[in-house]
Amino acid sequence: MKIVLVSRIDDAEALRYTASLVRELEGLGHDVALEEGTARHLGEEGISFEEIGGDLVVVVGGDGSVLLTVHQMKKQIPVLGINWGEVGFLADLEPDEARAFFAAHTDGFRVEHRMRVSLSVNGKPLGDALNEGLVVTDRPAKMLRFGVYVDGTPAERFRADGLLISTPTGSTAYAMSAGGPIVDPQIEGFLLVPLAPYMLSSRPHLISTRRNLEITLETEKPAHLVIDGQSSFELEKEATLTVKESDQPALFVHSGKPFFEKVNRKLRNL
């Protein structure tokens, strides 16, 4: 297999581990390359995120490193995360489990599709999110007014500090901290979670991807859309945000660990 390794570069131990993993994978007969940022810190030649291809990308880092990798790949290929962070919901393997996993899967692996949301504002595409799109004001202590339209029908109007437009995968991220439910990642739906809503009746909504979903900013306060914590866009006053299922889902290697077992284990360690 052709494998590309990506490491967080702010941790010397993670980089040393990545260098040792290169040797392990080459010893198993794999063709191994390094992402250019990782390679530069290891004194090697590498390839850019945009040029990443092959059979597998292995990310040594936390959820932020996995999100960055998925966000910057032009074409989605299977990702396997090795947890070098605090929680690592997107990283299935711990560092001491990786070598045994690769030794047992020399001929291939099972791949899961994780839906992403495609976000556009006033008809202009802005990007795809694996975890969430976050709409917030750029003025602290100021609230925004939102309108939610499902299949053209007004479904909700509320005031809040912000709004999370999350995927089921992102339900264990910011959305969970904001009071949203944990959603099975095999479900395809848009999870809307208001941030500190003014009315207690404003609750999270899980909306099928088969429906047409639009969100309007019904305020003149300046706001921003942040996609997976990786890119930020200024929203015009009274902007209309269109939410669709991306035609490029993220691809994750299934490590054999059931989702809800992983959630239970990781939440107990928070």
C-alpha atoms as a PDB file:
ATOM      1  CA  MET A   1       0.000   0.000   0.000  1.00  0.00           C
ATOM      2  CA  LYS A   2       0.993   3.613  -0.516  1.00  0.00           C
ATOM      3  CA  ILE A   3       0.752   5.367   2.867  1.00  0.00           C
ATOM      4  CA  VAL A   4       1.228   9.057   3.715  1.00  0.00           C
ATOM      5  CA  LEU A   5       2.111  10.013   7.292  1.00  0.00           C
ATOM      6  CA  VAL A   6       1.050  13.301   8.891  1.00  0.00           C
ATOM      7  CA  SER A   7       2.244  14.295  12.369  1.00  0.00           C
ATOM      8  CA  ARG A   8       1.494  17.173  14.678  1.00  0.00           C
ATOM      9  CA  ILE A   9       4.639  19.279  14.525  1.00  0.00           C
ATOM     10  CA  ASP A  10       4.446  20.971  17.923  1.00  0.00           C
ATOM     11  CA  ASP A  11       5.339  17.788  19.815  1.00  0.00           C
ATOM     12  CA  ALA A  12       8.844  16.319  19.549  1.00  0.00           C
ATOM     13  CA  GLU A  13       7.707  12.933  20.872  1.00  0.00           C
ATOM     14  CA  ALA A  14       4.997  12.711  18.211  1.00  0.00           C
ATOM     15  CA  LEU A  15       7.574  13.452  15.517  1.00  0.00           C
ATOM     16  CA  ARG A  16       9.953  10.807  16.848  1.00  0.00           C
ATOM     17  CA  TYR A  17       7.102   8.305  16.947  1.00  0.00           C
ATOM     18  CA  THR A  18       6.192   9.178  13.353  1.00  0.00           C
ATOM     19  CA  ALA A  19       9.782   8.641  12.219  1.00  0.00           C
ATOM     20  CA  SER A  20       9.823   5.208  13.861  1.00  0.00           C
ATOM     21  CA  LEU A  21       6.468   4.383  12.259  1.00  0.00           C
ATOM     22  CA  VAL A  22       7.944   5.107   8.837  1.00  0.00           C
ATOM     23  CA  ARG A  23      10.541   2.395   9.419  1.00  0.00           C
ATOM     24  CA  GLU A  24       7.925  -0.040  10.748  1.00  0.00           C
ATOM     25  CA  LEU A  25       5.647   0.428   7.732  1.00  0.00           C
ATOM     26  CA  GLU A  26       8.498   0.179   5.242  1.00  0.00           C
ATOM     27  CA  GLY A  27       9.543  -3.018   6.994  1.00  0.00           C
ATOM     28  CA  LEU A  28       6.052  -4.387   6.288  1.00  0.00           C
ATOM     29  CA  GLY A  29       6.554  -3.645   2.594  1.00  0.00           C
ATOM     30  CA  HIS A  30       4.534  -0.425   2.296  1.00  0.00           C
ATOM     31  CA  ASP A  31       5.459   2.585   0.153  1.00  0.00           C
ATOM     32  CA  VAL A  32       5.631   5.434   2.682  1.00  0.00           C
ATOM     33  CA  ALA A  33       5.699   9.212   2.142  1.00  0.00           C
ATOM     34  CA  LEU A  34       5.569  12.194   4.521  1.00  0.00           C
ATOM     35  CA  GLU A  35       3.363  15.279   4.383  1.00  0.00           C
ATOM     36  CA  GLU A  36       5.638  18.261   3.721  1.00  0.00           C
ATOM     37  CA  GLY A  37       5.233  19.972   7.122  1.00  0.00           C
ATOM     38  CA  THR A  38       6.013  16.718   8.902  1.00  0.00           C
ATOM     39  CA  ALA A  39       8.877  15.982   6.525  1.00  0.00           C
ATOM     40  CA  ARG A  40      10.440  19.414   7.037  1.00  0.00           C
ATOM     41  CA  HIS A  41      10.633  18.853  10.803  1.00  0.00           C
ATOM     42  CA  LEU A  42      12.212  15.451  10.229  1.00  0.00           C
ATOM     43  CA  GLY A  43      14.722  16.738   7.686  1.00  0.00           C
ATOM     44  CA  GLU A  44      13.112  14.842   4.806  1.00  0.00           C
ATOM     45  CA  GLU A  45      11.364  15.580   1.522  1.00  0.00           C
ATOM     46  CA  GLY A  46       7.572  15.571   1.589  1.00  0.00           C
ATOM     47  CA  ILE A  47       4.375  16.193  -0.336  1.00  0.00           C
ATOM     48  CA  SER A  48       1.736  18.884   0.212  1.00  0.00           C
ATOM     49  CA  PHE A  49      -1.756  18.198   1.554  1.00  0.00           C
ATOM     50  CA  GLU A  50      -3.141  19.067  -1.879  1.00  0.00           C
ATOM     51  CA  GLU A  51      -0.981  16.380  -3.506  1.00  0.00           C
ATOM     52  CA  ILE A  52      -1.780  13.624  -1.023  1.00  0.00           C
ATOM     53  CA  GLY A  53      -2.918  10.447  -2.728  1.00  0.00           C
ATOM     54  CA  GLY A  54      -2.505   6.709  -2.374  1.00  0.00           C
ATOM     55  CA  ASP A  55      -4.309   4.159  -0.245  1.00  0.00           C
ATOM     56  CA  LEU A  56      -4.119   5.565   3.280  1.00  0.00           C
ATOM     57  CA  VAL A  57      -3.257   8.665   5.308  1.00  0.00           C
ATOM     58  CA  VAL A  58      -2.073   8.039   8.872  1.00  0.00           C
ATOM     59  CA  VAL A  59      -2.377  11.046  11.174  1.00  0.00           C
ATOM     60  CA  VAL A  60      -0.381  11.124  14.413  1.00  0.00           C
ATOM     61  CA  GLY A  61      -2.139  13.788  16.474  1.00  0.00           C
ATOM     62  CA  GLY A  62      -5.409  14.858  18.031  1.00  0.00           C
ATOM     63  CA  ASP A  63      -8.756  15.672  16.471  1.00  0.00           C
ATOM     64  CA  GLY A  64      -7.466  19.021  15.228  1.00  0.00           C
ATOM     65  CA  SER A  65      -4.742  17.294  13.205  1.00  0.00           C
ATOM     66  CA  VAL A  66      -7.288  14.901  11.679  1.00  0.00           C
ATOM     67  CA  LEU A  67      -9.672  17.765  10.839  1.00  0.00           C
ATOM     68  CA  LEU A  68      -6.859  19.759   9.212  1.00  0.00           C
ATOM     69  CA  THR A  69      -5.871  16.770   7.083  1.00  0.00           C
ATOM     70  CA  VAL A  70      -9.439  16.063   5.919  1.00  0.00           C
ATOM     71  CA  HIS A  71     -10.057  19.772   5.345  1.00  0.00           C
ATOM     72  CA  GLN A  72      -7.001  20.258   3.123  1.00  0.00           C
ATOM     73  CA  MET A  73      -7.113  17.077   1.036  1.00  0.00           C
ATOM     74  CA  LYS A  74      -8.497  17.840  -2.419  1.00  0.00           C
ATOM     75  CA  LYS A  75      -9.614  14.244  -2.860  1.00  0.00           C
ATOM     76  CA  GLN A  76     -10.706  12.233   0.156  1.00  0.00           C
ATOM     77  CA  ILE A  77      -8.772   9.023   0.796  1.00  0.00           C
ATOM     78  CA  PRO A  78      -9.020   6.782   3.889  1.00  0.00           C
ATOM     79  CA  VAL A  79      -7.666   8.289   7.120  1.00  0.00           C
ATOM     80  CA  LEU A  80      -6.472   6.477  10.235  1.00  0.00           C
ATOM     81  CA  GLY A  81      -5.811   8.551  13.326  1.00  0.00           C
ATOM     82  CA  ILE A  82      -3.281   7.636  16.007  1.00  0.00           C
ATOM     83  CA  ASN A  83      -4.227   9.581  19.104  1.00  0.00           C
ATOM     84  CA  TRP A  84      -1.593  12.049  20.249  1.00  0.00           C
ATOM     85  CA  GLY A  85      -4.074  14.461  21.800  1.00  0.00           C
ATOM     86  CA  GLU A  86      -6.294  14.763  24.850  1.00  0.00           C
ATOM     87  CA  VAL A  87      -9.472  12.951  23.744  1.00  0.00           C
ATOM     88  CA  GLY A  88      -9.188  11.912  20.108  1.00  0.00           C
ATOM     89  CA  PHE A  89     -12.716  11.005  19.011  1.00  0.00           C
ATOM     90  CA  LEU A  90     -11.444  10.979  15.418  1.00  0.00           C
ATOM     91  CA  ALA A  91      -8.315   8.968  16.268  1.00  0.00           C
ATOM     92  CA  ASP A  92      -9.215   5.307  16.770  1.00  0.00           C
ATOM     93  CA  LEU A  93      -5.814   3.929  17.728  1.00  0.00           C
ATOM     94  CA  GLU A  94      -3.561   4.644  20.672  1.00  0.00           C
ATOM     95  CA  PRO A  95       0.179   4.808  19.875  1.00  0.00           C
ATOM     96  CA  ASP A  96       0.895   1.404  21.423  1.00  0.00           C
ATOM     97  CA  GLU A  97      -1.839  -0.244  19.296  1.00  0.00           C
ATOM     98  CA  ALA A  98      -0.744   0.942  15.863  1.00  0.00           C
ATOM     99  CA  ARG A  99       2.040  -1.517  15.089  1.00  0.00           C
ATOM    100  CA  ALA A 100      -0.125  -4.565  15.847  1.00  0.00           C
ATOM    101  CA  PHE A 101      -2.949  -3.111  13.740  1.00  0.00           C
ATOM    102  CA  PHE A 102      -0.719  -2.636  10.685  1.00  0.00           C
ATOM    103  CA  ALA A 103       0.834  -6.070  11.097  1.00  0.00           C
ATOM    104  CA  ALA A 104      -2.667  -7.610  11.102  1.00  0.00           C
ATOM    105  CA  HIS A 105      -3.933  -5.589   8.115  1.00  0.00           C
ATOM    106  CA  THR A 106      -1.230  -5.890   5.488  1.00  0.00           C
ATOM    107  CA  ASP A 107      -3.739  -6.630   2.708  1.00  0.00           C
ATOM    108  CA  GLY A 108      -6.369  -3.961   3.376  1.00  0.00           C
ATOM    109  CA  PHE A 109      -8.880  -2.564   5.836  1.00  0.00           C
ATOM    110  CA  ARG A 110     -12.541  -1.702   6.236  1.00  0.00           C
ATOM    111  CA  VAL A 111     -13.489   1.895   5.422  1.00  0.00           C
ATOM    112  CA  GLU A 112     -16.361   3.932   6.884  1.00  0.00           C
ATOM    113  CA  HIS A 113     -17.968   6.889   5.107  1.00  0.00           C
ATOM    114  CA  ARG A 114     -18.606   9.922   7.340  1.00  0.00           C
ATOM    115  CA  MET A 115     -20.905  12.569   5.897  1.00  0.00           C
ATOM    116  CA  ARG A 116     -19.743  16.166   5.689  1.00  0.00           C
ATOM    117  CA  VAL A 117     -21.864  19.268   5.349  1.00  0.00           C
ATOM    118  CA  SER A 118     -21.417  21.601   2.404  1.00  0.00           C
ATOM    119  CA  LEU A 119     -21.967  25.245   3.362  1.00  0.00           C
ATOM    120  CA  SER A 120     -22.713  28.139   1.037  1.00  0.00           C
ATOM    121  CA  VAL A 121     -23.762  31.722   1.714  1.00  0.00           C
ATOM    122  CA  ASN A 122     -26.045  33.574  -0.689  1.00  0.00           C
ATOM    123  CA  GLY A 123     -25.249  30.922  -3.301  1.00  0.00           C
ATOM    124  CA  LYS A 124     -21.451  31.121  -2.874  1.00  0.00           C
ATOM    125  CA  PRO A 125     -19.813  27.813  -1.780  1.00  0.00           C
ATOM    126  CA  LEU A 126     -17.522  28.255   1.226  1.00  0.00           C
ATOM    127  CA  GLY A 127     -16.429  24.718   2.078  1.00  0.00           C
ATOM    128  CA  ASP A 128     -17.225  21.367   3.660  1.00  0.00           C
ATOM    129  CA  ALA A 129     -17.236  20.539   7.366  1.00  0.00           C
ATOM    130  CA  LEU A 130     -16.614  17.154   8.940  1.00  0.00           C
ATOM    131  CA  ASN A 131     -17.458  18.322  12.472  1.00  0.00           C
ATOM    132  CA  GLU A 132     -19.358  21.587  12.233  1.00  0.00           C
ATOM    133  CA  GLY A 133     -19.914  25.031  10.869  1.00  0.00           C
ATOM    134  CA  LEU A 134     -20.096  27.635  13.619  1.00  0.00           C
ATOM    135  CA  VAL A 135     -21.907  30.953  13.211  1.00  0.00           C
ATOM    136  CA  VAL A 136     -20.964  33.515  15.863  1.00  0.00           C
ATOM    137  CA  THR A 137     -20.933  37.261  16.289  1.00  0.00           C
ATOM    138  CA  ASP A 138     -17.568  38.991  16.233  1.00  0.00           C
ATOM    139  CA  ARG A 139     -18.774  41.313  19.002  1.00  0.00           C
ATOM    140  CA  PRO A 140     -18.644  39.735  22.485  1.00  0.00           C
ATOM    141  CA  ALA A 141     -21.870  39.758  24.535  1.00  0.00           C
ATOM    142  CA  LYS A 142     -24.005  40.437  21.438  1.00  0.00           C
ATOM    143  CA  MET A 143     -26.703  37.995  20.318  1.00  0.00           C
ATOM    144  CA  LEU A 144     -27.732  36.986  16.815  1.00  0.00           C
ATOM    145  CA  ARG A 145     -31.222  36.254  15.493  1.00  0.00           C
ATOM    146  CA  PHE A 146     -31.633  33.158  13.334  1.00  0.00           C
ATOM    147  CA  GLY A 147     -34.382  31.789  11.129  1.00  0.00           C
ATOM    148  CA  VAL A 148     -34.442  28.088  10.213  1.00  0.00           C
ATOM    149  CA  TYR A 149     -36.304  27.019   7.076  1.00  0.00           C
ATOM    150  CA  VAL A 150     -36.915  23.350   6.221  1.00  0.00           C
ATOM    151  CA  ASP A 151     -38.194  22.673   2.694  1.00  0.00           C
ATOM    152  CA  GLY A 152     -39.041  26.347   2.494  1.00  0.00           C
ATOM    153  CA  THR A 153     -41.206  26.257   5.646  1.00  0.00           C
ATOM    154  CA  PRO A 154     -40.261  28.349   8.709  1.00  0.00           C
ATOM    155  CA  ALA A 155     -39.307  25.830  11.386  1.00  0.00           C
ATOM    156  CA  GLU A 156     -37.678  27.957  14.099  1.00  0.00           C
ATOM    157  CA  ARG A 157     -36.758  31.525  14.931  1.00  0.00           C
ATOM    158  CA  PHE A 158     -34.559  32.282  17.912  1.00  0.00           C
ATOM    159  CA  ARG A 159     -31.922  34.556  19.398  1.00  0.00           C
ATOM    160  CA  ALA A 160     -28.650  33.067  20.611  1.00  0.00           C
ATOM    161  CA  ASP A 161     -24.944  33.742  20.978  1.00  0.00           C
ATOM    162  CA  GLY A 162     -24.395  31.544  17.935  1.00  0.00           C
ATOM    163  CA  LEU A 163     -25.401  28.391  16.092  1.00  0.00           C
ATOM    164  CA  LEU A 164     -23.630  25.098  15.425  1.00  0.00           C
ATOM    165  CA  ILE A 165     -24.442  23.245  12.213  1.00  0.00           C
ATOM    166  CA  SER A 166     -22.992  19.859  13.033  1.00  0.00           C
ATOM    167  CA  THR A 167     -22.668  16.441  11.450  1.00  0.00           C
ATOM    168  CA  PRO A 168     -23.297  13.219  13.414  1.00  0.00           C
ATOM    169  CA  THR A 169     -19.499  12.856  13.590  1.00  0.00           C
ATOM    170  CA  GLY A 170     -19.308  16.348  15.094  1.00  0.00           C
ATOM    171  CA  SER A 171     -21.961  15.531  17.689  1.00  0.00           C
ATOM    172  CA  THR A 172     -19.189  14.436  20.081  1.00  0.00           C
ATOM    173  CA  ALA A 173     -17.290  17.708  19.580  1.00  0.00           C
ATOM    174  CA  TYR A 174     -18.414  21.306  20.197  1.00  0.00           C
ATOM    175  CA  ALA A 175     -22.083  20.298  19.794  1.00  0.00           C
ATOM    176  CA  MET A 176     -21.870  17.930  22.762  1.00  0.00           C
ATOM    177  CA  SER A 177     -20.315  20.654  24.925  1.00  0.00           C
ATOM    178  CA  ALA A 178     -23.171  22.974  23.907  1.00  0.00           C
ATOM    179  CA  GLY A 179     -25.816  20.500  25.088  1.00  0.00           C
ATOM    180  CA  GLY A 180     -26.494  18.609  21.872  1.00  0.00           C
ATOM    181  CA  PRO A 181     -27.132  14.840  21.727  1.00  0.00           C
ATOM    182  CA  ILE A 182     -24.607  12.170  20.782  1.00  0.00           C
ATOM    183  CA  VAL A 183     -25.638  10.963  17.321  1.00  0.00           C
ATOM    184  CA  ASP A 184     -24.754   7.645  15.708  1.00  0.00           C
ATOM    185  CA  PRO A 185     -22.353   8.549  12.841  1.00  0.00           C
ATOM    186  CA  GLN A 186     -24.191   6.131  10.556  1.00  0.00           C
ATOM    187  CA  ILE A 187     -27.179   8.508  10.615  1.00  0.00           C
ATOM    188  CA  GLU A 188     -27.212  11.120   7.873  1.00  0.00           C
ATOM    189  CA  GLY A 189     -28.620  14.340   9.252  1.00  0.00           C
ATOM    190  CA  PHE A 190     -27.891  17.960  10.079  1.00  0.00           C
ATOM    191  CA  LEU A 191     -27.644  18.693  13.798  1.00  0.00           C
ATOM    192  CA  LEU A 192     -28.502  22.291  14.732  1.00  0.00           C
ATOM    193  CA  VAL A 193     -27.455  23.358  18.235  1.00  0.00           C
ATOM    194  CA  PRO A 194     -28.113  26.946  19.408  1.00  0.00           C
ATOM    195  CA  LEU A 195     -25.402  28.420  21.632  1.00  0.00           C
ATOM    196  CA  ALA A 196     -26.837  29.935  24.822  1.00  0.00           C
ATOM    197  CA  PRO A 197     -30.299  30.620  23.338  1.00  0.00           C
ATOM    198  CA  TYR A 198     -32.359  33.380  24.914  1.00  0.00           C
ATOM    199  CA  MET A 199     -35.461  31.145  25.172  1.00  0.00           C
ATOM    200  CA  LEU A 200     -35.339  27.725  26.844  1.00  0.00           C
ATOM    201  CA  SER A 201     -37.731  26.453  24.169  1.00  0.00           C
ATOM    202  CA  SER A 202     -34.969  26.750  21.538  1.00  0.00           C
ATOM    203  CA  ARG A 203     -33.693  23.180  21.443  1.00  0.00           C
ATOM    204  CA  PRO A 204     -31.319  21.207  19.192  1.00  0.00           C
ATOM    205  CA  HIS A 205     -32.812  19.869  15.949  1.00  0.00           C
ATOM    206  CA  LEU A 206     -31.736  16.820  13.918  1.00  0.00           C
ATOM    207  CA  ILE A 207     -32.868  17.274  10.322  1.00  0.00           C
ATOM    208  CA  SER A 208     -32.673  14.719   7.508  1.00  0.00           C
ATOM    209  CA  THR A 209     -30.185  15.400   4.722  1.00  0.00           C
ATOM    210  CA  ARG A 210     -33.009  14.666   2.277  1.00  0.00           C
ATOM    211  CA  ARG A 211     -34.615  17.976   3.211  1.00  0.00           C
ATOM    212  CA  ASN A 212     -33.691  21.442   1.967  1.00  0.00           C
ATOM    213  CA  LEU A 213     -32.226  23.405   4.867  1.00  0.00           C
ATOM    214  CA  GLU A 214     -31.606  27.143   4.923  1.00  0.00           C
ATOM    215  CA  ILE A 215     -30.610  29.371   7.828  1.00  0.00           C
ATOM    216  CA  THR A 216     -31.036  33.126   7.726  1.00  0.00           C
ATOM    217  CA  LEU A 217     -29.301  35.757   9.801  1.00  0.00           C
ATOM    218  CA  GLU A 218     -32.111  38.102  10.749  1.00  0.00           C
ATOM    219  CA  THR A 219     -29.904  40.755  12.263  1.00  0.00           C
ATOM    220  CA  GLU A 220     -27.568  43.506  11.176  1.00  0.00           C
ATOM    221  CA  LYS A 221     -24.849  42.518  13.642  1.00  0.00           C
ATOM    222  CA  PRO A 222     -21.598  41.330  12.019  1.00  0.00           C
ATOM    223  CA  ALA A 223     -21.001  37.592  12.177  1.00  0.00           C
ATOM    224  CA  HIS A 224     -18.554  34.927  11.075  1.00  0.00           C
ATOM    225  CA  LEU A 225     -18.813  31.349   9.847  1.00  0.00           C
ATOM    226  CA  VAL A 226     -16.016  29.065  11.062  1.00  0.00           C
ATOM    227  CA  ILE A 227     -15.646  25.669   9.365  1.00  0.00           C
ATOM    228  CA  ASP A 228     -14.107  22.917  11.525  1.00  0.00           C
ATOM    229  CA  GLY A 229     -11.985  25.525  13.286  1.00  0.00           C
ATOM    230  CA  GLN A 230      -9.851  25.678  10.136  1.00  0.00           C
ATOM    231  CA  SER A 231     -11.257  28.504   8.028  1.00  0.00           C
ATOM    232  CA  SER A 232     -13.307  31.608   8.804  1.00  0.00           C
ATOM    233  CA  PHE A 233     -15.584  33.749   6.635  1.00  0.00           C
ATOM    234  CA  GLU A 234     -17.247  37.073   7.335  1.00  0.00           C
ATOM    235  CA  LEU A 235     -21.002  36.919   6.790  1.00  0.00           C
ATOM    236  CA  GLU A 236     -22.908  39.746   5.239  1.00  0.00           C
ATOM    237  CA  LYS A 237     -25.819  41.268   7.135  1.00  0.00           C
ATOM    238  CA  GLU A 238     -29.012  39.249   6.701  1.00  0.00           C
ATOM    239  CA  ALA A 239     -27.108  36.461   4.910  1.00  0.00           C
ATOM    240  CA  THR A 240     -28.756  33.176   3.904  1.00  0.00           C
ATOM    241  CA  LEU A 241     -26.787  30.031   4.661  1.00  0.00           C
ATOM    242  CA  THR A 242     -27.612  26.912   2.605  1.00  0.00           C
ATOM    243  CA  VAL A 243     -26.755  23.546   4.160  1.00  0.00           C
ATOM    244  CA  LYS A 244     -26.373  20.414   2.044  1.00  0.00           C
ATOM    245  CA  GLU A 245     -24.730  17.030   2.305  1.00  0.00           C
ATOM    246  CA  SER A 246     -21.295  17.122   0.697  1.00  0.00           C
ATOM    247  CA  ASP A 247     -20.725  14.888  -2.319  1.00  0.00           C
ATOM    248  CA  GLN A 248     -17.294  14.047  -0.831  1.00  0.00           C
ATOM    249  CA  PRO A 249     -17.703  12.239   2.502  1.00  0.00           C
ATOM    250  CA  ALA A 250     -14.687  11.755   4.724  1.00  0.00           C
ATOM    251  CA  LEU A 251     -13.273   8.221   4.689  1.00  0.00           C
ATOM    252  CA  PHE A 252     -12.091   6.625   7.920  1.00  0.00           C
ATOM    253  CA  VAL A 253     -10.414   3.296   8.509  1.00  0.00           C
ATOM    254  CA  HIS A 254     -12.473   1.153  10.879  1.00  0.00           C
ATOM    255  CA  SER A 255     -10.185  -0.082  13.641  1.00  0.00           C
ATOM    256  CA  GLY A 256     -12.640  -2.698  14.926  1.00  0.00           C
ATOM    257  CA  LYS A 257     -13.711  -0.617  17.938  1.00  0.00           C
ATOM    258  CA  PRO A 258     -17.500  -0.045  18.146  1.00  0.00           C
ATOM    259  CA  PHE A 259     -18.478   3.631  18.135  1.00  0.00           C
ATOM    260  CA  PHE A 260     -20.451   3.643  21.380  1.00  0.00           C
ATOM    261  CA  GLU A 261     -17.778   1.654  23.203  1.00  0.00           C
ATOM    262  CA  LYS A 262     -15.253   4.286  22.126  1.00  0.00           C
ATOM    263  CA  VAL A 263     -17.535   7.129  23.217  1.00  0.00           C
ATOM    264  CA  ASN A 264     -18.090   5.541  26.634  1.00  0.00           C
ATOM    265  CA  ARG A 265     -14.380   4.947  27.166  1.00  0.00           C
ATOM    266  CA  LYS A 266     -13.283   8.408  26.088  1.00  0.00           C
ATOM    267  CA  LEU A 267     -16.021  10.305  27.954  1.00  0.00           C
ATOM    268  CA  ARG A 268     -15.036   8.580  31.187  1.00  0.00           C
ATOM    269  CA  ASN A 269     -11.550  10.043  30.766  1.00  0.00           C
ATOM    270  CA  LEU A 270     -12.673  13.652  30.310  1.00  0.00           C
END
